[in-house]
């Protein structure tokens, strides 16, 4: 799928290695967050670092023997890079000014431009040959369109009171920026492209599903970690996030099994 794969492997290994080092440091030494993160936020930070370790290991493992024709593996890596962009975008925008902040900046930037370079390097002859059965394609379109419709309304509903009062929240404002400016528009664009049977949309849609899986699973894990910090687990939110993450995972597997590139 992606041409000149050896150049991309270097970038993937670099992104995977840096994110693994940053996340492992956070898990082994959570004290680095003590000056900038409150105890109420720490379960989410710890869960994100744990998922980041898994994501970075996946990137490194998949990239070891990947080839240009390994479409599914390349899609998995693009999805994991999307997660790194989002995860470290949170740390960068929320100004987590600890000893690793410059590393967060590097990972955030590297993941963003590696995704762009990867998409731009998809060989021109591949998208026109991409096919997906109608039922699977329609299911994907529903998910791709429903997620932004839900969260755009949810986030704007939460922003309106802040806009009326001018109040600035201390944390999580990065979610509004990343979702409304990057993630949700990407979902809508790929929903349109997938509905139109455009090859590039069919190729990139599962990368967003992978990103959705990692994000919701991190949210669910964060709820289970709350008792470690003397907080109460929100069981309804934990199960909601877990169910959504498993739906995204199941959709990803089913999608990749049905995706065809005719030779």
Protein backbone atom coordinates (compact mmCIF):
# COMPACT_ATOMS: atom_id res chain seq x y z
CA UNK A 1 0.00 0.00 0.00
CA UNK A 2 2.59 2.58 1.11
CA UNK A 3 5.52 3.03 -1.24
CA UNK A 4 9.17 3.18 -0.12
CA UNK A 5 8.26 1.37 3.06
CA UNK A 6 11.79 1.44 4.46
CA UNK A 7 11.61 5.22 5.01
CA UNK A 8 8.34 4.89 6.88
CA UNK A 9 9.68 2.07 9.03
CA UNK A 10 12.36 4.42 10.34
CA UNK A 11 9.70 6.96 11.35
CA UNK A 12 7.49 4.24 12.87
CA UNK A 13 10.37 2.85 14.92
CA UNK A 14 11.26 6.34 16.11
CA UNK A 15 7.67 7.18 17.11
CA UNK A 16 7.23 3.80 18.80
CA UNK A 17 10.51 4.03 20.68
CA UNK A 18 10.01 7.59 21.93
CA UNK A 19 6.43 6.97 23.04
CA UNK A 20 7.41 3.72 24.76
CA UNK A 21 10.17 5.50 26.69
CA UNK A 22 7.89 8.40 27.69
CA UNK A 23 4.96 6.21 28.76
CA UNK A 24 7.11 3.68 30.62
CA UNK A 25 8.77 6.51 32.55
CA UNK A 26 5.33 7.81 33.53
CA UNK A 27 4.16 4.40 34.74
CA UNK A 28 7.33 3.59 36.67
CA UNK A 29 7.76 7.07 38.09
CA UNK A 30 4.33 8.75 38.34
CA UNK A 31 5.92 11.38 40.56
CA UNK A 32 6.92 13.28 37.42
CA UNK A 33 3.28 14.37 37.18
CA UNK A 34 2.93 15.47 40.81
CA UNK A 35 3.70 19.14 40.15
CA UNK A 36 1.35 19.53 37.18
CA UNK A 37 -1.45 16.94 37.55
CA UNK A 38 -3.99 16.72 40.38
CA UNK A 39 -4.92 13.41 42.01
CA UNK A 40 -8.34 13.53 40.34
CA UNK A 41 -6.71 13.44 36.90
CA UNK A 42 -4.02 10.86 37.65
CA UNK A 43 -6.14 7.72 36.91
CA UNK A 44 -6.68 8.99 33.37
CA UNK A 45 -3.00 9.84 32.97
CA UNK A 46 -1.89 6.43 34.25
CA UNK A 47 -4.35 4.58 32.02
CA UNK A 48 -3.24 6.61 29.00
CA UNK A 49 0.40 5.77 29.67
CA UNK A 50 -0.45 2.07 30.01
CA UNK A 51 -2.34 2.05 26.70
CA UNK A 52 0.49 4.03 25.11
CA UNK A 53 2.98 1.33 26.13
CA UNK A 54 0.79 -1.27 24.42
CA UNK A 55 0.35 0.94 21.34
CA UNK A 56 4.07 1.65 21.01
CA UNK A 57 4.95 -2.04 21.39
CA UNK A 58 2.39 -2.83 18.69
CA UNK A 59 3.94 -0.26 16.35
CA UNK A 60 7.43 -1.65 16.93
CA UNK A 61 6.38 -5.29 16.60
CA UNK A 62 4.27 -4.81 13.47
CA UNK A 63 6.93 -2.67 11.78
CA UNK A 64 9.66 -5.31 12.16
CA UNK A 65 8.77 -7.37 9.09
CA UNK A 66 6.18 -5.21 7.37
CA UNK A 67 6.15 -5.03 3.58
CA UNK A 68 4.53 -2.77 1.00
CA UNK A 69 1.78 -5.32 0.36
CA UNK A 70 0.91 -5.70 4.08
CA UNK A 71 -2.10 -3.39 3.89
CA UNK A 72 -3.75 -4.44 7.15
CA UNK A 73 -0.56 -3.99 9.18
CA UNK A 74 0.04 -0.55 7.72
CA UNK A 75 -3.52 0.46 8.59
CA UNK A 76 -2.95 -0.76 12.16
CA UNK A 77 0.17 1.38 12.45
CA UNK A 78 -1.63 4.45 11.08
CA UNK A 79 -4.36 3.89 13.67
CA UNK A 80 -1.83 3.58 16.49
CA UNK A 81 -0.06 6.72 15.30
CA UNK A 82 -3.43 8.46 15.42
CA UNK A 83 -3.71 7.43 19.05
CA UNK A 84 -0.21 8.78 19.82
CA UNK A 85 -1.11 12.08 18.13
CA UNK A 86 -4.20 12.36 20.32
CA UNK A 87 -2.62 11.16 23.56
CA UNK A 88 0.41 13.42 23.37
CA UNK A 89 -1.68 16.24 21.96
CA UNK A 90 -3.46 16.18 25.32
CA UNK A 91 -0.16 16.42 27.22
CA UNK A 92 1.13 19.19 24.95
CA UNK A 93 -2.02 21.33 24.92
CA UNK A 94 -2.71 20.82 28.63
CA UNK A 95 0.85 22.07 29.35
CA UNK A 96 2.08 19.05 31.29
CA UNK A 97 5.34 20.83 32.03
CA UNK A 98 7.42 18.05 33.52
CA UNK A 99 10.87 16.76 32.60
CA UNK A 100 9.41 14.92 29.58
CA UNK A 101 7.53 17.83 28.03
CA UNK A 102 10.00 18.33 25.18
CA UNK A 103 9.67 14.61 24.44
CA UNK A 104 5.88 15.00 24.36
CA UNK A 105 6.30 17.79 21.80
CA UNK A 106 8.54 15.55 19.69
CA UNK A 107 6.10 12.61 19.74
CA UNK A 108 3.11 14.85 19.01
CA UNK A 109 4.85 16.39 16.00
CA UNK A 110 6.39 13.15 14.76
CA UNK A 111 3.14 11.20 14.88
CA UNK A 112 1.23 13.95 13.05
CA UNK A 113 3.66 14.30 10.16
CA UNK A 114 4.30 10.56 9.95
CA UNK A 115 0.57 10.04 9.38
CA UNK A 116 0.52 12.74 6.70
CA UNK A 117 3.61 11.27 5.02
CA UNK A 118 2.10 7.79 5.16
CA UNK A 119 -1.21 8.83 3.60
CA UNK A 120 0.59 10.85 0.92
CA UNK A 121 2.78 7.83 0.11
CA UNK A 122 -0.07 5.41 -0.60
CA UNK A 123 0.58 4.20 -4.11
CA UNK A 124 -1.74 5.76 -6.68
CA UNK A 125 -2.80 2.44 -8.18
CA UNK A 126 -4.01 1.03 -4.84
CA UNK A 127 -7.16 3.10 -3.99
CA UNK A 128 -9.01 2.39 -7.29
CA UNK A 129 -8.57 -1.35 -6.66
CA UNK A 130 -9.96 -1.23 -3.11
CA UNK A 131 -13.32 -2.90 -2.46
CA UNK A 132 -15.53 -3.58 0.56
CA UNK A 133 -18.83 -5.53 0.70
CA UNK A 134 -21.92 -3.33 0.90
CA UNK A 135 -23.07 -4.43 4.36
CA UNK A 136 -19.65 -3.83 5.87
CA UNK A 137 -19.30 -0.49 4.10
CA UNK A 138 -22.72 0.72 5.25
CA UNK A 139 -21.96 -0.35 8.83
CA UNK A 140 -18.70 1.57 8.71
CA UNK A 141 -20.44 4.66 7.34
CA UNK A 142 -22.98 4.58 10.18
CA UNK A 143 -20.21 4.42 12.79
CA UNK A 144 -18.11 7.07 11.06
CA UNK A 145 -21.06 9.46 10.89
CA UNK A 146 -22.62 8.68 14.29
CA UNK A 147 -19.51 9.30 16.39
CA UNK A 148 -19.02 12.95 15.33
CA UNK A 149 -22.76 13.64 15.50
CA UNK A 150 -22.76 12.46 19.11
CA UNK A 151 -19.58 14.12 20.30
CA UNK A 152 -19.83 17.39 18.38
CA UNK A 153 -23.20 18.00 20.01
CA UNK A 154 -21.89 16.84 23.40
CA UNK A 155 -18.76 19.00 23.37
CA UNK A 156 -20.51 22.10 22.03
CA UNK A 157 -23.16 21.66 24.71
CA UNK A 158 -20.41 21.70 27.32
CA UNK A 159 -18.63 24.67 25.71
CA UNK A 160 -21.66 26.96 25.50
CA UNK A 161 -21.85 27.66 29.28
CA UNK A 162 -18.12 28.41 29.26
CA UNK A 163 -18.55 30.80 26.34
CA UNK A 164 -21.38 32.58 28.14
CA UNK A 165 -19.45 33.05 31.39
CA UNK A 166 -15.91 33.28 30.05
CA UNK A 167 -14.80 30.68 32.58
CA UNK A 168 -11.62 28.74 31.79
CA UNK A 169 -11.47 25.11 32.88
CA UNK A 170 -8.26 23.78 34.38
CA UNK A 171 -8.01 20.48 32.53
CA UNK A 172 -9.49 18.51 29.64
CA UNK A 173 -9.95 21.56 27.41
CA UNK A 174 -7.56 19.84 24.99
CA UNK A 175 -10.28 17.28 24.25
CA UNK A 176 -12.47 19.99 22.74
CA UNK A 177 -9.61 21.24 20.58
CA UNK A 178 -8.45 17.84 19.34
CA UNK A 179 -11.92 16.42 18.77
CA UNK A 180 -13.61 19.43 17.19
CA UNK A 181 -10.63 20.54 15.08
CA UNK A 182 -9.05 17.21 14.06
CA UNK A 183 -10.76 13.95 14.99
CA UNK A 184 -14.45 14.61 14.29
CA UNK A 185 -13.81 16.29 10.92
CA UNK A 186 -11.69 13.26 9.97
CA UNK A 187 -14.59 10.95 10.86
CA UNK A 188 -17.01 12.99 8.74
CA UNK A 189 -14.65 13.19 5.76
CA UNK A 190 -14.02 9.45 5.79
CA UNK A 191 -17.74 8.76 6.26
CA UNK A 192 -18.41 10.70 3.05
CA UNK A 193 -15.54 9.04 1.17
CA UNK A 194 -16.54 5.57 2.33
CA UNK A 195 -20.18 6.16 1.38
CA UNK A 196 -18.98 7.22 -2.08
CA UNK A 197 -16.84 4.04 -2.32
CA UNK A 198 -13.68 6.12 -2.71
CA UNK A 199 -10.66 3.87 -2.32
CA UNK A 200 -8.66 6.15 -0.04
CA UNK A 201 -11.61 6.43 2.34
CA UNK A 202 -12.06 2.66 2.38
CA UNK A 203 -8.38 2.24 3.23
CA UNK A 204 -8.22 4.82 6.02
CA UNK A 205 -11.56 4.23 7.79
CA UNK A 206 -10.30 1.31 9.95
CA UNK A 207 -7.39 3.44 11.18
CA UNK A 208 -9.97 5.68 12.86
CA UNK A 209 -11.70 2.64 14.34
CA UNK A 210 -8.37 1.58 15.89
CA UNK A 211 -7.93 5.05 17.31
CA UNK A 212 -11.46 4.84 18.73
CA UNK A 213 -10.73 1.49 20.35
CA UNK A 214 -7.57 2.67 22.10
CA UNK A 215 -9.19 5.89 23.31
CA UNK A 216 -12.34 4.33 24.77
CA UNK A 217 -10.38 1.46 26.30
CA UNK A 218 -8.11 3.99 28.02
CA UNK A 219 -11.18 5.77 29.41
CA UNK A 220 -12.58 2.50 30.75
CA UNK A 221 -9.24 1.55 32.29
CA UNK A 222 -8.97 4.99 33.88
CA UNK A 223 -12.22 4.42 35.74
CA UNK A 224 -10.98 1.10 37.15
CA UNK A 225 -7.80 2.82 38.41
CA UNK A 226 -9.64 5.51 40.38
CA UNK A 227 -9.67 3.56 43.69
CA UNK A 228 -5.85 3.70 43.67
CA UNK A 229 -6.19 7.45 44.22
CA UNK A 230 -9.08 7.33 46.67
CA UNK A 231 -11.68 8.11 44.02
CA UNK A 232 -14.96 6.39 43.22
CA UNK A 233 -15.32 4.48 39.95
CA UNK A 234 -18.16 5.63 37.73
CA UNK A 235 -19.44 2.19 36.75
CA UNK A 236 -21.83 3.43 34.10
CA UNK A 237 -19.08 5.39 32.31
CA UNK A 238 -16.64 2.50 32.68
CA UNK A 239 -19.04 0.05 31.03
CA UNK A 240 -20.06 2.56 28.37
CA UNK A 241 -16.42 3.13 27.41
CA UNK A 242 -15.61 -0.58 27.51
CA UNK A 243 -18.56 -1.51 25.29
CA UNK A 244 -17.68 1.21 22.79
CA UNK A 245 -14.03 0.12 22.72
CA UNK A 246 -15.02 -3.51 22.06
CA UNK A 247 -17.42 -2.41 19.33
CA UNK A 248 -14.61 -0.51 17.64
CA UNK A 249 -12.29 -3.51 18.00
CA UNK A 250 -14.85 -5.91 16.53
CA UNK A 251 -15.56 -3.50 13.70
CA UNK A 252 -11.85 -3.18 12.97
CA UNK A 253 -11.31 -6.95 12.72
CA UNK A 254 -14.42 -7.45 10.59
CA UNK A 255 -13.52 -4.53 8.33
CA UNK A 256 -9.95 -5.67 7.70
CA UNK A 257 -11.12 -9.23 6.99
CA UNK A 258 -13.52 -7.97 4.33
CA UNK A 259 -11.27 -5.32 2.78
CA UNK A 260 -10.03 -6.37 -0.66
CA UNK A 261 -7.41 -4.89 -2.94
CA UNK A 262 -7.68 -6.43 -6.40
CA UNK A 263 -4.44 -7.18 -8.17
